[in-house]
Amino acid sequence: MAYSSKLKSEQTDGFFEAILSLETMEECYRFFEDICTIKEIQAIAQRLEVAKQLKENKTYNEIEVATGASTATISRINRSLNYGADGYKLIFKKLGLED
């Protein structure tokens, strides 16, 4: 059964198709620098780092100090890890960070 997302739309499909067409780190940097603000990119990168550290069983305080993320952000990411769409788990597997 295909995954059903609340985000699904033609525009979102087009955006994800554009991302999937990128082949190198340089292409990613060039595209995302044009389409996102620096703060947006940093926020997304921070969320992934928080998820990695939660997976490593670090405390909220340790994560807050290491990443600068608020405890509210850490909590929201923790909820996504436990009750979300398993997107973080999928990425961890693809990056070789699975258990």
PDB file of N, CA and C in Angstrom:
ATOM      1  N   MET A   1       0.841  -1.174   0.000  1.00  0.00           N
ATOM      2  CA  MET A   1       0.000   0.000   0.000  1.00  0.00           C
ATOM      3  C   MET A   1       0.893   1.247   0.000  1.00  0.00           C
ATOM      4  N   ALA A   2       0.572   2.194  -0.829  1.00  0.00           N
ATOM      5  CA  ALA A   2       1.350   3.433  -0.932  1.00  0.00           C
ATOM      6  C   ALA A   2       1.120   4.300   0.298  1.00  0.00           C
ATOM      7  N   TYR A   3       2.135   5.071   0.634  1.00  0.00           N
ATOM      8  CA  TYR A   3       2.049   5.985   1.775  1.00  0.00           C
ATOM      9  C   TYR A   3       1.158   7.168   1.412  1.00  0.00           C
ATOM     10  N   SER A   4       0.270   7.521   2.307  1.00  0.00           N
ATOM     11  CA  SER A   4      -0.622   8.663   2.100  1.00  0.00           C
ATOM     12  C   SER A   4      -0.193   9.796   3.021  1.00  0.00           C
ATOM     13  N   SER A   5       0.089  10.961   2.464  1.00  0.00           N
ATOM     14  CA  SER A   5       0.578  12.092   3.237  1.00  0.00           C
ATOM     15  C   SER A   5      -0.425  13.239   3.233  1.00  0.00           C
ATOM     16  N   LYS A   6      -0.479  13.948   4.362  1.00  0.00           N
ATOM     17  CA  LYS A   6      -1.300  15.156   4.454  1.00  0.00           C
ATOM     18  C   LYS A   6      -0.716  16.268   3.579  1.00  0.00           C
ATOM     19  N   LEU A   7       0.543  16.148   3.203  1.00  0.00           N
ATOM     20  CA  LEU A   7       1.219  17.159   2.389  1.00  0.00           C
ATOM     21  C   LEU A   7       0.956  17.011   0.892  1.00  0.00           C
ATOM     22  N   LYS A   8       0.375  15.890   0.488  1.00  0.00           N
ATOM     23  CA  LYS A   8       0.258  15.525  -0.921  1.00  0.00           C
ATOM     24  C   LYS A   8      -0.463  16.601  -1.736  1.00  0.00           C
ATOM     25  N   SER A   9       0.216  17.062  -2.777  1.00  0.00           N
ATOM     26  CA  SER A   9      -0.368  17.990  -3.758  1.00  0.00           C
ATOM     27  C   SER A   9       0.516  17.963  -4.995  1.00  0.00           C
ATOM     28  N   GLU A  10       0.026  18.539  -6.072  1.00  0.00           N
ATOM     29  CA  GLU A  10       0.837  18.608  -7.292  1.00  0.00           C
ATOM     30  C   GLU A  10       2.083  19.451  -7.068  1.00  0.00           C
ATOM     31  N   GLN A  11       1.937  20.562  -6.339  1.00  0.00           N
ATOM     32  CA  GLN A  11       3.098  21.426  -6.073  1.00  0.00           C
ATOM     33  C   GLN A  11       4.133  20.691  -5.240  1.00  0.00           C
ATOM     34  N   THR A  12       3.684  19.977  -4.211  1.00  0.00           N
ATOM     35  CA  THR A  12       4.620  19.235  -3.358  1.00  0.00           C
ATOM     36  C   THR A  12       5.292  18.127  -4.154  1.00  0.00           C
ATOM     37  N   ASP A  13       4.525  17.424  -4.988  1.00  0.00           N
ATOM     38  CA  ASP A  13       5.123  16.398  -5.853  1.00  0.00           C
ATOM     39  C   ASP A  13       6.216  17.012  -6.722  1.00  0.00           C
ATOM     40  N   GLY A  14       5.939  18.179  -7.311  1.00  0.00           N
ATOM     41  CA  GLY A  14       6.935  18.843  -8.162  1.00  0.00           C
ATOM     42  C   GLY A  14       8.187  19.213  -7.388  1.00  0.00           C
ATOM     43  N   PHE A  15       7.997  19.701  -6.155  1.00  0.00           N
ATOM     44  CA  PHE A  15       9.135  20.057  -5.302  1.00  0.00           C
ATOM     45  C   PHE A  15       9.982  18.825  -4.990  1.00  0.00           C
ATOM     46  N   PHE A  16       9.330  17.726  -4.585  1.00  0.00           N
ATOM     47  CA  PHE A  16      10.070  16.510  -4.254  1.00  0.00           C
ATOM     48  C   PHE A  16      10.740  15.910  -5.493  1.00  0.00           C
ATOM     49  N   GLU A  17      10.085  16.005  -6.659  1.00  0.00           N
ATOM     50  CA  GLU A  17      10.719  15.528  -7.891  1.00  0.00           C
ATOM     51  C   GLU A  17      11.989  16.335  -8.176  1.00  0.00           C
ATOM     52  N   ALA A  18      11.938  17.643  -7.925  1.00  0.00           N
ATOM     53  CA  ALA A  18      13.126  18.483  -8.119  1.00  0.00           C
ATOM     54  C   ALA A  18      14.248  18.029  -7.193  1.00  0.00           C
ATOM     55  N   ILE A  19      13.927  17.774  -5.928  1.00  0.00           N
ATOM     56  CA  ILE A  19      14.942  17.322  -4.976  1.00  0.00           C
ATOM     57  C   ILE A  19      15.520  15.981  -5.412  1.00  0.00           C
ATOM     58  N   LEU A  20      14.656  15.074  -5.825  1.00  0.00           N
ATOM     59  CA  LEU A  20      15.127  13.752  -6.251  1.00  0.00           C
ATOM     60  C   LEU A  20      16.008  13.805  -7.496  1.00  0.00           C
ATOM     61  N   SER A  21      15.922  14.886  -8.263  1.00  0.00           N
ATOM     62  CA  SER A  21      16.753  15.005  -9.465  1.00  0.00           C
ATOM     63  C   SER A  21      18.177  15.463  -9.156  1.00  0.00           C
ATOM     64  N   LEU A  22      18.408  15.985  -7.955  1.00  0.00           N
ATOM     65  CA  LEU A  22      19.743  16.459  -7.584  1.00  0.00           C
ATOM     66  C   LEU A  22      20.690  15.272  -7.429  1.00  0.00           C
ATOM     67  N   GLU A  23      21.916  15.424  -7.916  1.00  0.00           N
ATOM     68  CA  GLU A  23      22.844  14.296  -7.929  1.00  0.00           C
ATOM     69  C   GLU A  23      24.084  14.486  -7.074  1.00  0.00           C
ATOM     70  N   THR A  24      24.438  15.720  -6.753  1.00  0.00           N
ATOM     71  CA  THR A  24      25.664  15.942  -5.996  1.00  0.00           C
ATOM     72  C   THR A  24      25.394  16.876  -4.817  1.00  0.00           C
ATOM     73  N   MET A  25      26.322  16.896  -3.898  1.00  0.00           N
ATOM     74  CA  MET A  25      26.232  17.807  -2.761  1.00  0.00           C
ATOM     75  C   MET A  25      26.219  19.253  -3.250  1.00  0.00           C
ATOM     76  N   GLU A  26      27.045  19.562  -4.261  1.00  0.00           N
ATOM     77  CA  GLU A  26      27.073  20.926  -4.805  1.00  0.00           C
ATOM     78  C   GLU A  26      25.713  21.309  -5.381  1.00  0.00           C
ATOM     79  N   GLU A  27      25.078  20.398  -6.121  1.00  0.00           N
ATOM     80  CA  GLU A  27      23.752  20.686  -6.665  1.00  0.00           C
ATOM     81  C   GLU A  27      22.755  20.960  -5.537  1.00  0.00           C
ATOM     82  N   CYS A  28      22.842  20.211  -4.450  1.00  0.00           N
ATOM     83  CA  CYS A  28      21.963  20.428  -3.293  1.00  0.00           C
ATOM     84  C   CYS A  28      22.191  21.813  -2.702  1.00  0.00           C
ATOM     85  N   TYR A  29      23.439  22.157  -2.486  1.00  0.00           N
ATOM     86  CA  TYR A  29      23.744  23.479  -1.946  1.00  0.00           C
ATOM     87  C   TYR A  29      23.189  24.572  -2.850  1.00  0.00           C
ATOM     88  N   ARG A  30      23.405  24.454  -4.148  1.00  0.00           N
ATOM     89  CA  ARG A  30      22.974  25.500  -5.079  1.00  0.00           C
ATOM     90  C   ARG A  30      21.451  25.641  -5.101  1.00  0.00           C
ATOM     91  N   PHE A  31      20.752  24.509  -5.152  1.00  0.00           N
ATOM     92  CA  PHE A  31      19.295  24.553  -5.196  1.00  0.00           C
ATOM     93  C   PHE A  31      18.716  25.096  -3.895  1.00  0.00           C
ATOM     94  N   PHE A  32      19.178  24.542  -2.765  1.00  0.00           N
ATOM     95  CA  PHE A  32      18.602  24.939  -1.486  1.00  0.00           C
ATOM     96  C   PHE A  32      18.963  26.372  -1.091  1.00  0.00           C
ATOM     97  N   GLU A  33      20.125  26.844  -1.509  1.00  0.00           N
ATOM     98  CA  GLU A  33      20.462  28.251  -1.247  1.00  0.00           C
ATOM     99  C   GLU A  33      19.530  29.190  -2.003  1.00  0.00           C
ATOM    100  N   ASP A  34      19.053  28.757  -3.168  1.00  0.00           N
ATOM    101  CA  ASP A  34      18.121  29.585  -3.926  1.00  0.00           C
ATOM    102  C   ASP A  34      16.688  29.466  -3.411  1.00  0.00           C
ATOM    103  N   ILE A  35      16.285  28.297  -2.975  1.00  0.00           N
ATOM    104  CA  ILE A  35      14.876  28.077  -2.646  1.00  0.00           C
ATOM    105  C   ILE A  35      14.549  28.317  -1.166  1.00  0.00           C
ATOM    106  N   CYS A  36      15.530  28.240  -0.300  1.00  0.00           N
ATOM    107  CA  CYS A  36      15.317  28.416   1.140  1.00  0.00           C
ATOM    108  C   CYS A  36      16.189  29.552   1.669  1.00  0.00           C
ATOM    109  N   THR A  37      15.792  30.078   2.802  1.00  0.00           N
ATOM    110  CA  THR A  37      16.679  31.017   3.482  1.00  0.00           C
ATOM    111  C   THR A  37      17.743  30.207   4.215  1.00  0.00           C
ATOM    112  N   ILE A  38      18.820  30.874   4.572  1.00  0.00           N
ATOM    113  CA  ILE A  38      19.871  30.210   5.346  1.00  0.00           C
ATOM    114  C   ILE A  38      19.300  29.662   6.646  1.00  0.00           C
ATOM    115  N   LYS A  39      18.445  30.444   7.298  1.00  0.00           N
ATOM    116  CA  LYS A  39      17.843  30.014   8.572  1.00  0.00           C
ATOM    117  C   LYS A  39      16.981  28.770   8.393  1.00  0.00           C
ATOM    118  N   GLU A  40      16.245  28.676   7.283  1.00  0.00           N
ATOM    119  CA  GLU A  40      15.411  27.495   7.031  1.00  0.00           C
ATOM    120  C   GLU A  40      16.272  26.246   6.858  1.00  0.00           C
ATOM    121  N   ILE A  41      17.337  26.378   6.100  1.00  0.00           N
ATOM    122  CA  ILE A  41      18.244  25.242   5.897  1.00  0.00           C
ATOM    123  C   ILE A  41      18.883  24.837   7.222  1.00  0.00           C
ATOM    124  N   GLN A  42      19.337  25.823   7.996  1.00  0.00           N
ATOM    125  CA  GLN A  42      19.952  25.527   9.290  1.00  0.00           C
ATOM    126  C   GLN A  42      18.958  24.863  10.230  1.00  0.00           C
ATOM    127  N   ALA A  43      17.698  25.296  10.204  1.00  0.00           N
ATOM    128  CA  ALA A  43      16.676  24.702  11.078  1.00  0.00           C
ATOM    129  C   ALA A  43      16.424  23.238  10.712  1.00  0.00           C
ATOM    130  N   ILE A  44      16.349  22.945   9.421  1.00  0.00           N
ATOM    131  CA  ILE A  44      16.141  21.565   8.983  1.00  0.00           C
ATOM    132  C   ILE A  44      17.339  20.700   9.354  1.00  0.00           C
ATOM    133  N   ALA A  45      18.548  21.215   9.128  1.00  0.00           N
ATOM    134  CA  ALA A  45      19.768  20.482   9.481  1.00  0.00           C
ATOM    135  C   ALA A  45      19.819  20.235  10.991  1.00  0.00           C
ATOM    136  N   GLN A  46      19.409  21.245  11.764  1.00  0.00           N
ATOM    137  CA  GLN A  46      19.394  21.113  13.226  1.00  0.00           C
ATOM    138  C   GLN A  46      18.431  20.011  13.650  1.00  0.00           C
ATOM    139  N   ARG A  47      17.261  19.947  13.023  1.00  0.00           N
ATOM    140  CA  ARG A  47      16.271  18.917  13.370  1.00  0.00           C
ATOM    141  C   ARG A  47      16.819  17.522  13.124  1.00  0.00           C
ATOM    142  N   LEU A  48      17.518  17.337  12.010  1.00  0.00           N
ATOM    143  CA  LEU A  48      18.105  16.023  11.736  1.00  0.00           C
ATOM    144  C   LEU A  48      19.161  15.681  12.779  1.00  0.00           C
ATOM    145  N   GLU A  49      19.984  16.649  13.158  1.00  0.00           N
ATOM    146  CA  GLU A  49      21.005  16.408  14.186  1.00  0.00           C
ATOM    147  C   GLU A  49      20.359  16.079  15.524  1.00  0.00           C
ATOM    148  N   VAL A  50      19.284  16.781  15.876  1.00  0.00           N
ATOM    149  CA  VAL A  50      18.563  16.483  17.121  1.00  0.00           C
ATOM    150  C   VAL A  50      18.045  15.050  17.075  1.00  0.00           C
ATOM    151  N   ALA A  51      17.460  14.648  15.954  1.00  0.00           N
ATOM    152  CA  ALA A  51      16.942  13.281  15.824  1.00  0.00           C
ATOM    153  C   ALA A  51      18.057  12.248  15.995  1.00  0.00           C
ATOM    154  N   LYS A  52      19.214  12.516  15.400  1.00  0.00           N
ATOM    155  CA  LYS A  52      20.348  11.602  15.555  1.00  0.00           C
ATOM    156  C   LYS A  52      20.746  11.475  17.023  1.00  0.00           C
ATOM    157  N   GLN A  53      20.793  12.607  17.724  1.00  0.00           N
ATOM    158  CA  GLN A  53      21.210  12.580  19.125  1.00  0.00           C
ATOM    159  C   GLN A  53      20.151  11.926  20.010  1.00  0.00           C
ATOM    160  N   LEU A  54      18.881  12.109  19.701  1.00  0.00           N
ATOM    161  CA  LEU A  54      17.835  11.396  20.441  1.00  0.00           C
ATOM    162  C   LEU A  54      17.986   9.889  20.240  1.00  0.00           C
ATOM    163  N   LYS A  55      18.288   9.507  19.007  1.00  0.00           N
ATOM    164  CA  LYS A  55      18.500   8.091  18.698  1.00  0.00           C
ATOM    165  C   LYS A  55      19.676   7.524  19.501  1.00  0.00           C
ATOM    166  N   GLU A  56      20.652   8.375  19.793  1.00  0.00           N
ATOM    167  CA  GLU A  56      21.815   7.965  20.586  1.00  0.00           C
ATOM    168  C   GLU A  56      21.528   8.030  22.089  1.00  0.00           C
ATOM    169  N   ASN A  57      20.261   8.291  22.439  1.00  0.00           N
ATOM    170  CA  ASN A  57      19.806   8.356  23.839  1.00  0.00           C
ATOM    171  C   ASN A  57      20.457   9.477  24.644  1.00  0.00           C
ATOM    172  N   LYS A  58      20.794  10.561  23.970  1.00  0.00           N
ATOM    173  CA  LYS A  58      21.315  11.721  24.694  1.00  0.00           C
ATOM    174  C   LYS A  58      20.148  12.418  25.392  1.00  0.00           C
ATOM    175  N   THR A  59      20.438  13.113  26.468  1.00  0.00           N
ATOM    176  CA  THR A  59      19.400  13.813  27.213  1.00  0.00           C
ATOM    177  C   THR A  59      19.012  15.097  26.486  1.00  0.00           C
ATOM    178  N   TYR A  60      17.835  15.617  26.817  1.00  0.00           N
ATOM    179  CA  TYR A  60      17.398  16.879  26.226  1.00  0.00           C
ATOM    180  C   TYR A  60      18.422  17.969  26.511  1.00  0.00           C
ATOM    181  N   ASN A  61      18.945  17.997  27.722  1.00  0.00           N
ATOM    182  CA  ASN A  61      19.928  19.029  28.075  1.00  0.00           C
ATOM    183  C   ASN A  61      21.189  18.898  27.232  1.00  0.00           C
ATOM    184  N   GLU A  62      21.683  17.686  27.050  1.00  0.00           N
ATOM    185  CA  GLU A  62      22.873  17.477  26.214  1.00  0.00           C
ATOM    186  C   GLU A  62      22.613  17.923  24.781  1.00  0.00           C
ATOM    187  N   ILE A  63      21.429  17.606  24.265  1.00  0.00           N
ATOM    188  CA  ILE A  63      21.077  17.965  22.892  1.00  0.00           C
ATOM    189  C   ILE A  63      20.927  19.470  22.756  1.00  0.00           C
ATOM    190  N   GLU A  64      20.298  20.090  23.744  1.00  0.00           N
ATOM    191  CA  GLU A  64      20.108  21.543  23.733  1.00  0.00           C
ATOM    192  C   GLU A  64      21.456  22.260  23.683  1.00  0.00           C
ATOM    193  N   VAL A  65      22.400  21.804  24.493  1.00  0.00           N
ATOM    194  CA  VAL A  65      23.731  22.415  24.529  1.00  0.00           C
ATOM    195  C   VAL A  65      24.471  22.185  23.206  1.00  0.00           C
ATOM    196  N   ALA A  66      24.396  20.966  22.689  1.00  0.00           N
ATOM    197  CA  ALA A  66      25.151  20.617  21.479  1.00  0.00           C
ATOM    198  C   ALA A  66      24.596  21.258  20.210  1.00  0.00           C
ATOM    199  N   THR A  67      23.261  21.421  20.134  1.00  0.00           N
ATOM    200  CA  THR A  67      22.655  21.870  18.881  1.00  0.00           C
ATOM    201  C   THR A  67      22.059  23.275  18.936  1.00  0.00           C
ATOM    202  N   GLY A  68      21.781  23.757  20.137  1.00  0.00           N
ATOM    203  CA  GLY A  68      21.111  25.042  20.278  1.00  0.00           C
ATOM    204  C   GLY A  68      19.605  24.955  20.091  1.00  0.00           C
ATOM    205  N   ALA A  69      19.081  23.751  19.914  1.00  0.00           N
ATOM    206  CA  ALA A  69      17.633  23.561  19.748  1.00  0.00           C
ATOM    207  C   ALA A  69      16.928  23.751  21.080  1.00  0.00           C
ATOM    208  N   SER A  70      15.729  24.301  21.030  1.00  0.00           N
ATOM    209  CA  SER A  70      14.942  24.462  22.256  1.00  0.00           C
ATOM    210  C   SER A  70      14.399  23.108  22.699  1.00  0.00           C
ATOM    211  N   THR A  71      14.046  23.018  23.976  1.00  0.00           N
ATOM    212  CA  THR A  71      13.463  21.764  24.470  1.00  0.00           C
ATOM    213  C   THR A  71      12.130  21.482  23.780  1.00  0.00           C
ATOM    214  N   ALA A  72      11.388  22.520  23.380  1.00  0.00           N
ATOM    215  CA  ALA A  72      10.133  22.318  22.644  1.00  0.00           C
ATOM    216  C   ALA A  72      10.401  21.654  21.289  1.00  0.00           C
ATOM    217  N   THR A  73      11.446  22.111  20.602  1.00  0.00           N
ATOM    218  CA  THR A  73      11.814  21.504  19.315  1.00  0.00           C
ATOM    219  C   THR A  73      12.275  20.068  19.519  1.00  0.00           C
ATOM    220  N   ILE A  74      13.080  19.833  20.529  1.00  0.00           N
ATOM    221  CA  ILE A  74      13.564  18.483  20.823  1.00  0.00           C
ATOM    222  C   ILE A  74      12.383  17.558  21.114  1.00  0.00           C
ATOM    223  N   SER A  75      11.441  18.049  21.902  1.00  0.00           N
ATOM    224  CA  SER A  75      10.257  17.260  22.243  1.00  0.00           C
ATOM    225  C   SER A  75       9.434  16.922  21.002  1.00  0.00           C
ATOM    226  N   ARG A  76       9.252  17.910  20.128  1.00  0.00           N
ATOM    227  CA  ARG A  76       8.485  17.671  18.902  1.00  0.00           C
ATOM    228  C   ARG A  76       9.155  16.633  18.017  1.00  0.00           C
ATOM    229  N   ILE A  77      10.480  16.695  17.919  1.00  0.00           N
ATOM    230  CA  ILE A  77      11.217  15.716  17.119  1.00  0.00           C
ATOM    231  C   ILE A  77      11.133  14.340  17.758  1.00  0.00           C
ATOM    232  N   ASN A  78      11.186  14.298  19.078  1.00  0.00           N
ATOM    233  CA  ASN A  78      11.051  13.024  19.782  1.00  0.00           C
ATOM    234  C   ASN A  78       9.690  12.394  19.497  1.00  0.00           C
ATOM    235  N   ARG A  79       8.634  13.223  19.480  1.00  0.00           N
ATOM    236  CA  ARG A  79       7.288  12.721  19.141  1.00  0.00           C
ATOM    237  C   ARG A  79       7.276  12.169  17.717  1.00  0.00           C
ATOM    238  N   SER A  80       7.929  12.867  16.795  1.00  0.00           N
ATOM    239  CA  SER A  80       7.989  12.393  15.412  1.00  0.00           C
ATOM    240  C   SER A  80       8.725  11.061  15.321  1.00  0.00           C
ATOM    241  N   LEU A  81       9.793  10.926  16.084  1.00  0.00           N
ATOM    242  CA  LEU A  81      10.542   9.668  16.081  1.00  0.00           C
ATOM    243  C   LEU A  81       9.682   8.514  16.582  1.00  0.00           C
ATOM    244  N   ASN A  82       8.861   8.793  17.577  1.00  0.00           N
ATOM    245  CA  ASN A  82       8.060   7.730  18.192  1.00  0.00           C
ATOM    246  C   ASN A  82       6.700   7.509  17.542  1.00  0.00           C
ATOM    247  N   TYR A  83       6.091   8.568  17.030  1.00  0.00           N
ATOM    248  CA  TYR A  83       4.715   8.462  16.534  1.00  0.00           C
ATOM    249  C   TYR A  83       4.507   9.032  15.140  1.00  0.00           C
ATOM    250  N   GLY A  84       5.576   9.404  14.476  1.00  0.00           N
ATOM    251  CA  GLY A  84       5.464  10.055  13.172  1.00  0.00           C
ATOM    252  C   GLY A  84       5.351   9.077  12.013  1.00  0.00           C
ATOM    253  N   ALA A  85       5.706   9.548  10.849  1.00  0.00           N
ATOM    254  CA  ALA A  85       5.572   8.793   9.603  1.00  0.00           C
ATOM    255  C   ALA A  85       6.777   7.896   9.317  1.00  0.00           C
ATOM    256  N   ASP A  86       7.686   7.767  10.274  1.00  0.00           N
ATOM    257  CA  ASP A  86       8.908   6.952  10.158  1.00  0.00           C
ATOM    258  C   ASP A  86       9.906   7.504   9.143  1.00  0.00           C
ATOM    259  N   GLY A  87       9.791   8.796   8.832  1.00  0.00           N
ATOM    260  CA  GLY A  87      10.736   9.417   7.906  1.00  0.00           C
ATOM    261  C   GLY A  87      12.151   9.462   8.443  1.00  0.00           C
ATOM    262  N   TYR A  88      12.280   9.769   9.739  1.00  0.00           N
ATOM    263  CA  TYR A  88      13.622   9.768  10.339  1.00  0.00           C
ATOM    264  C   TYR A  88      14.216   8.363  10.295  1.00  0.00           C
ATOM    265  N   LYS A  89      13.415   7.363  10.629  1.00  0.00           N
ATOM    266  CA  LYS A  89      13.910   5.975  10.609  1.00  0.00           C
ATOM    267  C   LYS A  89      14.367   5.586   9.208  1.00  0.00           C
ATOM    268  N   LEU A  90      13.612   6.019   8.201  1.00  0.00           N
ATOM    269  CA  LEU A  90      13.972   5.739   6.817  1.00  0.00           C
ATOM    270  C   LEU A  90      15.327   6.352   6.471  1.00  0.00           C
ATOM    271  N   ILE A  91      15.518   7.606   6.854  1.00  0.00           N
ATOM    272  CA  ILE A  91      16.788   8.293   6.581  1.00  0.00           C
ATOM    273  C   ILE A  91      17.938   7.655   7.355  1.00  0.00           C
ATOM    274  N   PHE A  92      17.710   7.309   8.621  1.00  0.00           N
ATOM    275  CA  PHE A  92      18.759   6.663   9.407  1.00  0.00           C
ATOM    276  C   PHE A  92      19.206   5.372   8.729  1.00  0.00           C
ATOM    277  N   LYS A  93      18.245   4.604   8.224  1.00  0.00           N
ATOM    278  CA  LYS A  93      18.587   3.349   7.532  1.00  0.00           C
ATOM    279  C   LYS A  93      19.409   3.647   6.283  1.00  0.00           C
ATOM    280  N   LYS A  94      18.979   4.637   5.489  1.00  0.00           N
ATOM    281  CA  LYS A  94      19.693   4.968   4.260  1.00  0.00           C
ATOM    282  C   LYS A  94      21.095   5.520   4.537  1.00  0.00           C
ATOM    283  N   LEU A  95      21.269   6.182   5.681  1.00  0.00           N
ATOM    284  CA  LEU A  95      22.578   6.732   6.059  1.00  0.00           C
ATOM    285  C   LEU A  95      23.427   5.729   6.826  1.00  0.00           C
ATOM    286  N   GLY A  96      22.907   4.532   7.050  1.00  0.00           N
ATOM    287  CA  GLY A  96      23.647   3.516   7.790  1.00  0.00           C
ATOM    288  C   GLY A  96      23.718   3.795   9.281  1.00  0.00           C
ATOM    289  N   LEU A  97      22.722   4.517   9.820  1.00  0.00           N
ATOM    290  CA  LEU A  97      22.702   4.866  11.238  1.00  0.00           C
ATOM    291  C   LEU A  97      21.681   4.065  12.021  1.00  0.00           C
ATOM    292  N   GLU A  98      21.165   3.016  11.409  1.00  0.00           N
ATOM    293  CA  GLU A  98      20.144   2.202  12.071  1.00  0.00           C
ATOM    294  C   GLU A  98      20.771   1.338  13.154  1.00  0.00           C
ATOM    295  N   ASP A  99      19.898   0.799  14.005  1.00  0.00           N
ATOM    296  CA  ASP A  99      20.379  -0.093  15.085  1.00  0.00           C
ATOM    297  C   ASP A  99      20.837  -1.404  14.527  1.00  0.00           C
TER     298      ASP A  99
END
